[in-house]
Amino acid sequence: MAGQWPGGFLGEVFIANRGTAAISGWTLAWTFPGNQRITNLWNGVVTQSGSSVSVRNAAWNGTIPANGTVNFGFLADFSGTNANASALTLNGQACTGTAP
């Protein structure tokens, strides 16, 4: 989380490719633990159903080179507790790191 205020927050996500080959096309998915709802996203295409979120690459950032990164950001709102997301996957594979 890059910033938070009452009822909303700014998320900034970096996806790092630690492999030796480029990743062509990416989708990062996660589950929010509460009622967080993305209201605006840039550098990707978001789909959200309830607490399940999926962000796929935009037309201009679909390739992550070996040892490279891509990033996207979003604005979201919430009420109550704003806990970190869980169950992050990149292209269907579990990934590690800090949740948005």
PDB file of N, CA and C in Angstrom:
ATOM      1  N   MET A   1       0.847  -1.160   0.000  1.00  0.00           N
ATOM      2  CA  MET A   1       0.000   0.000   0.000  1.00  0.00           C
ATOM      3  C   MET A   1       0.901   1.234   0.000  1.00  0.00           C
ATOM      4  N   ALA A   2       0.644   2.109  -0.911  1.00  0.00           N
ATOM      5  CA  ALA A   2       1.464   3.315  -1.049  1.00  0.00           C
ATOM      6  C   ALA A   2       0.937   4.474  -0.210  1.00  0.00           C
ATOM      7  N   GLY A   3      -0.318   4.431   0.159  1.00  0.00           N
ATOM      8  CA  GLY A   3      -0.898   5.495   0.972  1.00  0.00           C
ATOM      9  C   GLY A   3      -2.319   5.145   1.356  1.00  0.00           C
ATOM     10  N   GLN A   4      -2.771   5.643   2.495  1.00  0.00           N
ATOM     11  CA  GLN A   4      -4.127   5.367   2.954  1.00  0.00           C
ATOM     12  C   GLN A   4      -4.718   6.602   3.600  1.00  0.00           C
ATOM     13  N   TRP A   5      -6.027   6.759   3.471  1.00  0.00           N
ATOM     14  CA  TRP A   5      -6.789   7.829   4.102  1.00  0.00           C
ATOM     15  C   TRP A   5      -8.116   7.222   4.513  1.00  0.00           C
ATOM     16  N   PRO A   6      -8.919   7.904   5.309  1.00  0.00           N
ATOM     17  CA  PRO A   6     -10.191   7.325   5.746  1.00  0.00           C
ATOM     18  C   PRO A   6     -11.051   6.896   4.555  1.00  0.00           C
ATOM     19  N   GLY A   7     -11.288   5.611   4.446  1.00  0.00           N
ATOM     20  CA  GLY A   7     -12.156   5.072   3.405  1.00  0.00           C
ATOM     21  C   GLY A   7     -11.495   4.787   2.074  1.00  0.00           C
ATOM     22  N   GLY A   8     -10.195   5.008   1.944  1.00  0.00           N
ATOM     23  CA  GLY A   8      -9.557   4.751   0.657  1.00  0.00           C
ATOM     24  C   GLY A   8      -8.068   4.523   0.776  1.00  0.00           C
ATOM     25  N   PHE A   9      -7.481   4.013  -0.295  1.00  0.00           N
ATOM     26  CA  PHE A   9      -6.034   3.821  -0.308  1.00  0.00           C
ATOM     27  C   PHE A   9      -5.516   3.769  -1.739  1.00  0.00           C
ATOM     28  N   LEU A  10      -4.208   3.949  -1.849  1.00  0.00           N
ATOM     29  CA  LEU A  10      -3.469   3.888  -3.104  1.00  0.00           C
ATOM     30  C   LEU A  10      -2.603   2.646  -3.061  1.00  0.00           C
ATOM     31  N   GLY A  11      -2.720   1.798  -4.071  1.00  0.00           N
ATOM     32  CA  GLY A  11      -1.883   0.607  -4.175  1.00  0.00           C
ATOM     33  C   GLY A  11      -0.915   0.746  -5.332  1.00  0.00           C
ATOM     34  N   GLU A  12       0.320   0.305  -5.124  1.00  0.00           N
ATOM     35  CA  GLU A  12       1.321   0.294  -6.183  1.00  0.00           C
ATOM     36  C   GLU A  12       1.936  -1.099  -6.186  1.00  0.00           C
ATOM     37  N   VAL A  13       1.889  -1.768  -7.335  1.00  0.00           N
ATOM     38  CA  VAL A  13       2.317  -3.162  -7.438  1.00  0.00           C
ATOM     39  C   VAL A  13       3.427  -3.272  -8.467  1.00  0.00           C
ATOM     40  N   PHE A  14       4.506  -3.930  -8.080  1.00  0.00           N
ATOM     41  CA  PHE A  14       5.614  -4.225  -8.984  1.00  0.00           C
ATOM     42  C   PHE A  14       5.685  -5.735  -9.149  1.00  0.00           C
ATOM     43  N   ILE A  15       5.753  -6.196 -10.387  1.00  0.00           N
ATOM     44  CA  ILE A  15       5.898  -7.620 -10.672  1.00  0.00           C
ATOM     45  C   ILE A  15       7.299  -7.815 -11.214  1.00  0.00           C
ATOM     46  N   ALA A  16       8.093  -8.612 -10.510  1.00  0.00           N
ATOM     47  CA  ALA A  16       9.485  -8.858 -10.896  1.00  0.00           C
ATOM     48  C   ALA A  16       9.615 -10.252 -11.497  1.00  0.00           C
ATOM     49  N   ASN A  17      10.285 -10.333 -12.608  1.00  0.00           N
ATOM     50  CA  ASN A  17      10.597 -11.609 -13.244  1.00  0.00           C
ATOM     51  C   ASN A  17      12.021 -11.987 -12.849  1.00  0.00           C
ATOM     52  N   ARG A  18      12.148 -12.939 -11.966  1.00  0.00           N
ATOM     53  CA  ARG A  18      13.462 -13.380 -11.501  1.00  0.00           C
ATOM     54  C   ARG A  18      14.022 -14.516 -12.361  1.00  0.00           C
ATOM     55  N   GLY A  19      13.296 -14.903 -13.406  1.00  0.00           N
ATOM     56  CA  GLY A  19      13.723 -15.996 -14.272  1.00  0.00           C
ATOM     57  C   GLY A  19      14.714 -15.556 -15.336  1.00  0.00           C
ATOM     58  N   THR A  20      15.098 -16.502 -16.167  1.00  0.00           N
ATOM     59  CA  THR A  20      16.065 -16.235 -17.230  1.00  0.00           C
ATOM     60  C   THR A  20      15.398 -16.031 -18.590  1.00  0.00           C
ATOM     61  N   ALA A  21      14.101 -16.210 -18.648  1.00  0.00           N
ATOM     62  CA  ALA A  21      13.353 -16.000 -19.899  1.00  0.00           C
ATOM     63  C   ALA A  21      12.258 -14.962 -19.666  1.00  0.00           C
ATOM     64  N   ALA A  22      11.916 -14.247 -20.713  1.00  0.00           N
ATOM     65  CA  ALA A  22      10.852 -13.243 -20.628  1.00  0.00           C
ATOM     66  C   ALA A  22       9.510 -13.913 -20.357  1.00  0.00           C
ATOM     67  N   ILE A  23       8.625 -13.193 -19.689  1.00  0.00           N
ATOM     68  CA  ILE A  23       7.240 -13.621 -19.496  1.00  0.00           C
ATOM     69  C   ILE A  23       6.410 -12.834 -20.498  1.00  0.00           C
ATOM     70  N   SER A  24       5.707 -13.539 -21.341  1.00  0.00           N
ATOM     71  CA  SER A  24       4.888 -12.887 -22.362  1.00  0.00           C
ATOM     72  C   SER A  24       3.426 -13.002 -21.971  1.00  0.00           C
ATOM     73  N   GLY A  25       2.858 -11.898 -21.560  1.00  0.00           N
ATOM     74  CA  GLY A  25       1.480 -11.885 -21.078  1.00  0.00           C
ATOM     75  C   GLY A  25       1.442 -12.253 -19.608  1.00  0.00           C
ATOM     76  N   TRP A  26       0.817 -11.430 -18.794  1.00  0.00           N
ATOM     77  CA  TRP A  26       0.764 -11.715 -17.367  1.00  0.00           C
ATOM     78  C   TRP A  26      -0.593 -11.358 -16.787  1.00  0.00           C
ATOM     79  N   THR A  27      -0.959 -12.099 -15.773  1.00  0.00           N
ATOM     80  CA  THR A  27      -2.157 -11.828 -14.984  1.00  0.00           C
ATOM     81  C   THR A  27      -1.812 -12.063 -13.525  1.00  0.00           C
ATOM     82  N   LEU A  28      -1.987 -11.052 -12.715  1.00  0.00           N
ATOM     83  CA  LEU A  28      -1.786 -11.155 -11.276  1.00  0.00           C
ATOM     84  C   LEU A  28      -3.157 -11.195 -10.627  1.00  0.00           C
ATOM     85  N   ALA A  29      -3.370 -12.182  -9.756  1.00  0.00           N
ATOM     86  CA  ALA A  29      -4.659 -12.321  -9.076  1.00  0.00           C
ATOM     87  C   ALA A  29      -4.430 -12.379  -7.568  1.00  0.00           C
ATOM     88  N   TRP A  30      -5.403 -11.886  -6.819  1.00  0.00           N
ATOM     89  CA  TRP A  30      -5.337 -11.956  -5.368  1.00  0.00           C
ATOM     90  C   TRP A  30      -6.729 -11.852  -4.795  1.00  0.00           C
ATOM     91  N   THR A  31      -6.804 -12.061  -3.481  1.00  0.00           N
ATOM     92  CA  THR A  31      -8.063 -11.959  -2.756  1.00  0.00           C
ATOM     93  C   THR A  31      -7.916 -10.908  -1.667  1.00  0.00           C
ATOM     94  N   PHE A  32      -8.814  -9.939  -1.670  1.00  0.00           N
ATOM     95  CA  PHE A  32      -8.862  -8.974  -0.587  1.00  0.00           C
ATOM     96  C   PHE A  32      -9.560  -9.626   0.609  1.00  0.00           C
ATOM     97  N   PRO A  33      -9.113  -9.369   1.841  1.00  0.00           N
ATOM     98  CA  PRO A  33      -9.730  -9.995   3.000  1.00  0.00           C
ATOM     99  C   PRO A  33     -11.012  -9.304   3.472  1.00  0.00           C
ATOM    100  N   GLY A  34     -11.250  -8.098   2.995  1.00  0.00           N
ATOM    101  CA  GLY A  34     -12.419  -7.348   3.442  1.00  0.00           C
ATOM    102  C   GLY A  34     -13.260  -6.887   2.265  1.00  0.00           C
ATOM    103  N   ASN A  35     -13.780  -5.670   2.368  1.00  0.00           N
ATOM    104  CA  ASN A  35     -14.672  -5.140   1.332  1.00  0.00           C
ATOM    105  C   ASN A  35     -13.961  -4.129   0.433  1.00  0.00           C
ATOM    106  N   GLN A  36     -12.645  -4.242   0.292  1.00  0.00           N
ATOM    107  CA  GLN A  36     -11.905  -3.329  -0.572  1.00  0.00           C
ATOM    108  C   GLN A  36     -12.408  -3.449  -2.010  1.00  0.00           C
ATOM    109  N   ARG A  37     -12.516  -2.307  -2.659  1.00  0.00           N
ATOM    110  CA  ARG A  37     -13.029  -2.264  -4.037  1.00  0.00           C
ATOM    111  C   ARG A  37     -12.178  -1.311  -4.852  1.00  0.00           C
ATOM    112  N   ILE A  38     -11.583  -1.814  -5.932  1.00  0.00           N
ATOM    113  CA  ILE A  38     -10.770  -0.972  -6.813  1.00  0.00           C
ATOM    114  C   ILE A  38     -11.689  -0.059  -7.610  1.00  0.00           C
ATOM    115  N   THR A  39     -11.375   1.240  -7.593  1.00  0.00           N
ATOM    116  CA  THR A  39     -12.195   2.223  -8.299  1.00  0.00           C
ATOM    117  C   THR A  39     -11.510   2.784  -9.536  1.00  0.00           C
ATOM    118  N   ASN A  40     -10.180   2.680  -9.592  1.00  0.00           N
ATOM    119  CA  ASN A  40      -9.419   3.190 -10.733  1.00  0.00           C
ATOM    120  C   ASN A  40      -8.094   2.443 -10.777  1.00  0.00           C
ATOM    121  N   LEU A  41      -7.661   2.024 -11.965  1.00  0.00           N
ATOM    122  CA  LEU A  41      -6.406   1.292 -12.115  1.00  0.00           C
ATOM    123  C   LEU A  41      -5.708   1.768 -13.373  1.00  0.00           C
ATOM    124  N   TRP A  42      -4.375   1.859 -13.336  1.00  0.00           N
ATOM    125  CA  TRP A  42      -3.600   2.252 -14.510  1.00  0.00           C
ATOM    126  C   TRP A  42      -2.490   1.242 -14.755  1.00  0.00           C
ATOM    127  N   ASN A  43      -2.078   1.142 -16.004  1.00  0.00           N
ATOM    128  CA  ASN A  43      -1.047   0.210 -16.487  1.00  0.00           C
ATOM    129  C   ASN A  43      -1.478  -1.243 -16.414  1.00  0.00           C
ATOM    130  N   GLY A  44      -2.780  -1.497 -16.495  1.00  0.00           N
ATOM    131  CA  GLY A  44      -3.317  -2.844 -16.497  1.00  0.00           C
ATOM    132  C   GLY A  44      -4.812  -2.801 -16.723  1.00  0.00           C
ATOM    133  N   VAL A  45      -5.405  -3.981 -16.779  1.00  0.00           N
ATOM    134  CA  VAL A  45      -6.848  -4.120 -16.969  1.00  0.00           C
ATOM    135  C   VAL A  45      -7.376  -4.952 -15.806  1.00  0.00           C
ATOM    136  N   VAL A  46      -8.260  -4.376 -15.007  1.00  0.00           N
ATOM    137  CA  VAL A  46      -8.734  -5.016 -13.791  1.00  0.00           C
ATOM    138  C   VAL A  46     -10.096  -5.660 -13.983  1.00  0.00           C
ATOM    139  N   THR A  47     -10.278  -6.795 -13.305  1.00  0.00           N
ATOM    140  CA  THR A  47     -11.572  -7.443 -13.153  1.00  0.00           C
ATOM    141  C   THR A  47     -11.713  -7.758 -11.673  1.00  0.00           C
ATOM    142  N   GLN A  48     -12.810  -7.359 -11.074  1.00  0.00           N
ATOM    143  CA  GLN A  48     -13.035  -7.665  -9.668  1.00  0.00           C
ATOM    144  C   GLN A  48     -14.429  -8.203  -9.477  1.00  0.00           C
ATOM    145  N   SER A  49     -14.516  -9.325  -8.762  1.00  0.00           N
ATOM    146  CA  SER A  49     -15.788  -9.928  -8.406  1.00  0.00           C
ATOM    147  C   SER A  49     -15.751 -10.191  -6.907  1.00  0.00           C
ATOM    148  N   GLY A  50     -16.475  -9.382  -6.160  1.00  0.00           N
ATOM    149  CA  GLY A  50     -16.416  -9.494  -4.710  1.00  0.00           C
ATOM    150  C   GLY A  50     -15.012  -9.186  -4.226  1.00  0.00           C
ATOM    151  N   SER A  51     -14.418 -10.111  -3.496  1.00  0.00           N
ATOM    152  CA  SER A  51     -13.073  -9.895  -2.977  1.00  0.00           C
ATOM    153  C   SER A  51     -11.978 -10.414  -3.916  1.00  0.00           C
ATOM    154  N   SER A  52     -12.358 -11.101  -4.984  1.00  0.00           N
ATOM    155  CA  SER A  52     -11.386 -11.651  -5.934  1.00  0.00           C
ATOM    156  C   SER A  52     -11.029 -10.624  -6.996  1.00  0.00           C
ATOM    157  N   VAL A  53      -9.717 -10.386  -7.166  1.00  0.00           N
ATOM    158  CA  VAL A  53      -9.225  -9.378  -8.102  1.00  0.00           C
ATOM    159  C   VAL A  53      -8.279 -10.042  -9.088  1.00  0.00           C
ATOM    160  N   SER A  54      -8.355  -9.620 -10.330  1.00  0.00           N
ATOM    161  CA  SER A  54      -7.447 -10.074 -11.371  1.00  0.00           C
ATOM    162  C   SER A  54      -7.031  -8.859 -12.192  1.00  0.00           C
ATOM    163  N   VAL A  55      -5.725  -8.694 -12.386  1.00  0.00           N
ATOM    164  CA  VAL A  55      -5.205  -7.605 -13.206  1.00  0.00           C
ATOM    165  C   VAL A  55      -4.338  -8.227 -14.294  1.00  0.00           C
ATOM    166  N   ARG A  56      -4.672  -7.941 -15.538  1.00  0.00           N
ATOM    167  CA  ARG A  56      -3.847  -8.437 -16.646  1.00  0.00           C
ATOM    168  C   ARG A  56      -3.129  -7.259 -17.283  1.00  0.00           C
ATOM    169  N   ASN A  57      -2.111  -7.607 -18.048  1.00  0.00           N
ATOM    170  CA  ASN A  57      -1.293  -6.570 -18.668  1.00  0.00           C
ATOM    171  C   ASN A  57      -2.106  -5.689 -19.609  1.00  0.00           C
ATOM    172  N   ALA A  58      -1.629  -4.475 -19.770  1.00  0.00           N
ATOM    173  CA  ALA A  58      -2.155  -3.566 -20.785  1.00  0.00           C
ATOM    174  C   ALA A  58      -1.455  -3.901 -22.105  1.00  0.00           C
ATOM    175  N   ALA A  59      -1.867  -3.268 -23.174  1.00  0.00           N
ATOM    176  CA  ALA A  59      -1.291  -3.548 -24.494  1.00  0.00           C
ATOM    177  C   ALA A  59       0.198  -3.241 -24.553  1.00  0.00           C
ATOM    178  N   TRP A  60       0.660  -2.276 -23.772  1.00  0.00           N
ATOM    179  CA  TRP A  60       2.045  -1.807 -23.876  1.00  0.00           C
ATOM    180  C   TRP A  60       3.000  -2.436 -22.866  1.00  0.00           C
ATOM    181  N   ASN A  61       2.517  -3.247 -21.919  1.00  0.00           N
ATOM    182  CA  ASN A  61       3.426  -3.806 -20.915  1.00  0.00           C
ATOM    183  C   ASN A  61       3.232  -5.306 -20.713  1.00  0.00           C
ATOM    184  N   GLY A  62       2.943  -5.996 -21.787  1.00  0.00           N
ATOM    185  CA  GLY A  62       2.656  -7.430 -21.707  1.00  0.00           C
ATOM    186  C   GLY A  62       3.864  -8.322 -21.556  1.00  0.00           C
ATOM    187  N   THR A  63       5.051  -7.814 -21.815  1.00  0.00           N
ATOM    188  CA  THR A  63       6.257  -8.626 -21.682  1.00  0.00           C
ATOM    189  C   THR A  63       7.076  -8.140 -20.496  1.00  0.00           C
ATOM    190  N   ILE A  64       7.423  -9.099 -19.634  1.00  0.00           N
ATOM    191  CA  ILE A  64       8.333  -8.793 -18.528  1.00  0.00           C
ATOM    192  C   ILE A  64       9.658  -9.466 -18.873  1.00  0.00           C
ATOM    193  N   PRO A  65      10.678  -8.691 -19.188  1.00  0.00           N
ATOM    194  CA  PRO A  65      11.955  -9.304 -19.572  1.00  0.00           C
ATOM    195  C   PRO A  65      12.593 -10.049 -18.399  1.00  0.00           C
ATOM    196  N   ALA A  66      13.496 -10.963 -18.711  1.00  0.00           N
ATOM    197  CA  ALA A  66      14.250 -11.650 -17.673  1.00  0.00           C
ATOM    198  C   ALA A  66      14.907 -10.603 -16.774  1.00  0.00           C
ATOM    199  N   ASN A  67      14.799 -10.799 -15.479  1.00  0.00           N
ATOM    200  CA  ASN A  67      15.326  -9.867 -14.477  1.00  0.00           C
ATOM    201  C   ASN A  67      14.733  -8.461 -14.613  1.00  0.00           C
ATOM    202  N   GLY A  68      13.547  -8.365 -15.182  1.00  0.00           N
ATOM    203  CA  GLY A  68      12.880  -7.075 -15.348  1.00  0.00           C
ATOM    204  C   GLY A  68      11.632  -6.982 -14.492  1.00  0.00           C
ATOM    205  N   THR A  69      11.009  -5.814 -14.535  1.00  0.00           N
ATOM    206  CA  THR A  69       9.784  -5.584 -13.771  1.00  0.00           C
ATOM    207  C   THR A  69       8.766  -4.820 -14.602  1.00  0.00           C
ATOM    208  N   VAL A  70       7.520  -4.954 -14.217  1.00  0.00           N
ATOM    209  CA  VAL A  70       6.436  -4.088 -14.679  1.00  0.00           C
ATOM    210  C   VAL A  70       5.701  -3.620 -13.432  1.00  0.00           C
ATOM    211  N   ASN A  71       4.925  -2.573 -13.573  1.00  0.00           N
ATOM    212  CA  ASN A  71       4.163  -2.114 -12.421  1.00  0.00           C
ATOM    213  C   ASN A  71       2.806  -1.579 -12.851  1.00  0.00           C
ATOM    214  N   PHE A  72       1.896  -1.556 -11.887  1.00  0.00           N
ATOM    215  CA  PHE A  72       0.602  -0.902 -12.079  1.00  0.00           C
ATOM    216  C   PHE A  72       0.205  -0.301 -10.739  1.00  0.00           C
ATOM    217  N   GLY A  73      -0.746   0.598 -10.799  1.00  0.00           N
ATOM    218  CA  GLY A  73      -1.226   1.239  -9.591  1.00  0.00           C
ATOM    219  C   GLY A  73      -2.740   1.309  -9.605  1.00  0.00           C
ATOM    220  N   PHE A  74      -3.305   1.532  -8.431  1.00  0.00           N
ATOM    221  CA  PHE A  74      -4.755   1.628  -8.355  1.00  0.00           C
ATOM    222  C   PHE A  74      -5.190   2.441  -7.140  1.00  0.00           C
ATOM    223  N   LEU A  75      -6.408   2.945  -7.235  1.00  0.00           N
ATOM    224  CA  LEU A  75      -7.117   3.566  -6.119  1.00  0.00           C
ATOM    225  C   LEU A  75      -8.233   2.616  -5.709  1.00  0.00           C
ATOM    226  N   ALA A  76      -8.465   2.524  -4.414  1.00  0.00           N
ATOM    227  CA  ALA A  76      -9.529   1.642  -3.928  1.00  0.00           C
ATOM    228  C   ALA A  76     -10.193   2.285  -2.726  1.00  0.00           C
ATOM    229  N   ASP A  77     -11.417   1.835  -2.459  1.00  0.00           N
ATOM    230  CA  ASP A  77     -12.066   2.275  -1.239  1.00  0.00           C
ATOM    231  C   ASP A  77     -12.414   1.069  -0.378  1.00  0.00           C
ATOM    232  N   PHE A  78     -12.717   1.323   0.876  1.00  0.00           N
ATOM    233  CA  PHE A  78     -13.023   0.275   1.834  1.00  0.00           C
ATOM    234  C   PHE A  78     -13.738   0.895   3.027  1.00  0.00           C
ATOM    235  N   SER A  79     -14.325   0.028   3.845  1.00  0.00           N
ATOM    236  CA  SER A  79     -14.819   0.455   5.145  1.00  0.00           C
ATOM    237  C   SER A  79     -14.375  -0.593   6.153  1.00  0.00           C
ATOM    238  N   GLY A  80     -14.198  -0.175   7.385  1.00  0.00           N
ATOM    239  CA  GLY A  80     -13.701  -1.094   8.404  1.00  0.00           C
ATOM    240  C   GLY A  80     -12.192  -1.228   8.309  1.00  0.00           C
ATOM    241  N   THR A  81     -11.708  -2.450   8.388  1.00  0.00           N
ATOM    242  CA  THR A  81     -10.281  -2.739   8.372  1.00  0.00           C
ATOM    243  C   THR A  81      -9.771  -2.894   6.941  1.00  0.00           C
ATOM    244  N   ASN A  82      -8.569  -2.386   6.702  1.00  0.00           N
ATOM    245  CA  ASN A  82      -7.943  -2.495   5.382  1.00  0.00           C
ATOM    246  C   ASN A  82      -6.711  -3.393   5.501  1.00  0.00           C
ATOM    247  N   ALA A  83      -6.938  -4.692   5.617  1.00  0.00           N
ATOM    248  CA  ALA A  83      -5.841  -5.657   5.758  1.00  0.00           C
ATOM    249  C   ALA A  83      -5.264  -6.004   4.388  1.00  0.00           C
ATOM    250  N   ASN A  84      -4.040  -6.530   4.384  1.00  0.00           N
ATOM    251  CA  ASN A  84      -3.375  -6.915   3.140  1.00  0.00           C
ATOM    252  C   ASN A  84      -4.081  -8.068   2.447  1.00  0.00           C
ATOM    253  N   ALA A  85      -3.931  -8.114   1.145  1.00  0.00           N
ATOM    254  CA  ALA A  85      -4.494  -9.176   0.320  1.00  0.00           C
ATOM    255  C   ALA A  85      -3.752 -10.481   0.571  1.00  0.00           C
ATOM    256  N   SER A  86      -4.334 -11.574   0.069  1.00  0.00           N
ATOM    257  CA  SER A  86      -3.710 -12.887   0.224  1.00  0.00           C
ATOM    258  C   SER A  86      -3.880 -13.687  -1.053  1.00  0.00           C
ATOM    259  N   ALA A  87      -3.258 -14.855  -1.078  1.00  0.00           N
ATOM    260  CA  ALA A  87      -3.384 -15.816  -2.181  1.00  0.00           C
ATOM    261  C   ALA A  87      -3.009 -15.204  -3.525  1.00  0.00           C
ATOM    262  N   LEU A  88      -1.839 -14.574  -3.591  1.00  0.00           N
ATOM    263  CA  LEU A  88      -1.385 -13.964  -4.841  1.00  0.00           C
ATOM    264  C   LEU A  88      -0.901 -15.031  -5.815  1.00  0.00           C
ATOM    265  N   THR A  89      -1.314 -14.891  -7.065  1.00  0.00           N
ATOM    266  CA  THR A  89      -0.827 -15.773  -8.125  1.00  0.00           C
ATOM    267  C   THR A  89      -0.453 -14.935  -9.339  1.00  0.00           C
ATOM    268  N   LEU A  90       0.585 -15.382 -10.033  1.00  0.00           N
ATOM    269  CA  LEU A  90       0.985 -14.774 -11.301  1.00  0.00           C
ATOM    270  C   LEU A  90       0.850 -15.848 -12.359  1.00  0.00           C
ATOM    271  N   ASN A  91      -0.023 -15.607 -13.322  1.00  0.00           N
ATOM    272  CA  ASN A  91      -0.323 -16.585 -14.372  1.00  0.00           C
ATOM    273  C   ASN A  91      -0.670 -17.948 -13.779  1.00  0.00           C
ATOM    274  N   GLY A  92      -1.418 -17.934 -12.674  1.00  0.00           N
ATOM    275  CA  GLY A  92      -1.904 -19.155 -12.053  1.00  0.00           C
ATOM    276  C   GLY A  92      -0.955 -19.825 -11.082  1.00  0.00           C
ATOM    277  N   GLN A  93       0.259 -19.323 -10.962  1.00  0.00           N
ATOM    278  CA  GLN A  93       1.255 -19.900 -10.056  1.00  0.00           C
ATOM    279  C   GLN A  93       1.389 -19.023  -8.817  1.00  0.00           C
ATOM    280  N   ALA A  94       1.453 -19.643  -7.649  1.00  0.00           N
ATOM    281  CA  ALA A  94       1.614 -18.895  -6.405  1.00  0.00           C
ATOM    282  C   ALA A  94       2.880 -18.056  -6.487  1.00  0.00           C
ATOM    283  N   CYS A  95       2.811 -16.844  -5.968  1.00  0.00           N
ATOM    284  CA  CYS A  95       3.984 -15.992  -5.971  1.00  0.00           C
ATOM    285  C   CYS A  95       4.208 -15.417  -4.579  1.00  0.00           C
ATOM    286  N   THR A  96       5.401 -14.927  -4.365  1.00  0.00           N
ATOM    287  CA  THR A  96       5.759 -14.402  -3.059  1.00  0.00           C
ATOM    288  C   THR A  96       5.894 -12.901  -3.151  1.00  0.00           C
ATOM    289  N   GLY A  97       5.963 -12.270  -2.019  1.00  0.00           N
ATOM    290  CA  GLY A  97       6.129 -10.825  -2.004  1.00  0.00           C
ATOM    291  C   GLY A  97       5.135 -10.184  -1.078  1.00  0.00           C
ATOM    292  N   THR A  98       5.093  -8.887  -1.125  1.00  0.00           N
ATOM    293  CA  THR A  98       4.195  -8.120  -0.280  1.00  0.00           C
ATOM    294  C   THR A  98       2.890  -7.885  -1.015  1.00  0.00           C
ATOM    295  N   ALA A  99       1.804  -8.197  -0.377  1.00  0.00           N
ATOM    296  CA  ALA A  99       0.492  -8.065  -0.989  1.00  0.00           C
ATOM    297  C   ALA A  99       0.077  -6.605  -1.082  1.00  0.00           C
ATOM    298  N   PRO A 100      -0.732  -6.277  -2.109  1.00  0.00           N
ATOM    299  CA  PRO A 100      -1.250  -4.910  -2.214  1.00  0.00           C
ATOM    300  C   PRO A 100      -2.249  -4.616  -1.115  1.00  0.00           C
TER     301      PRO A 100
END
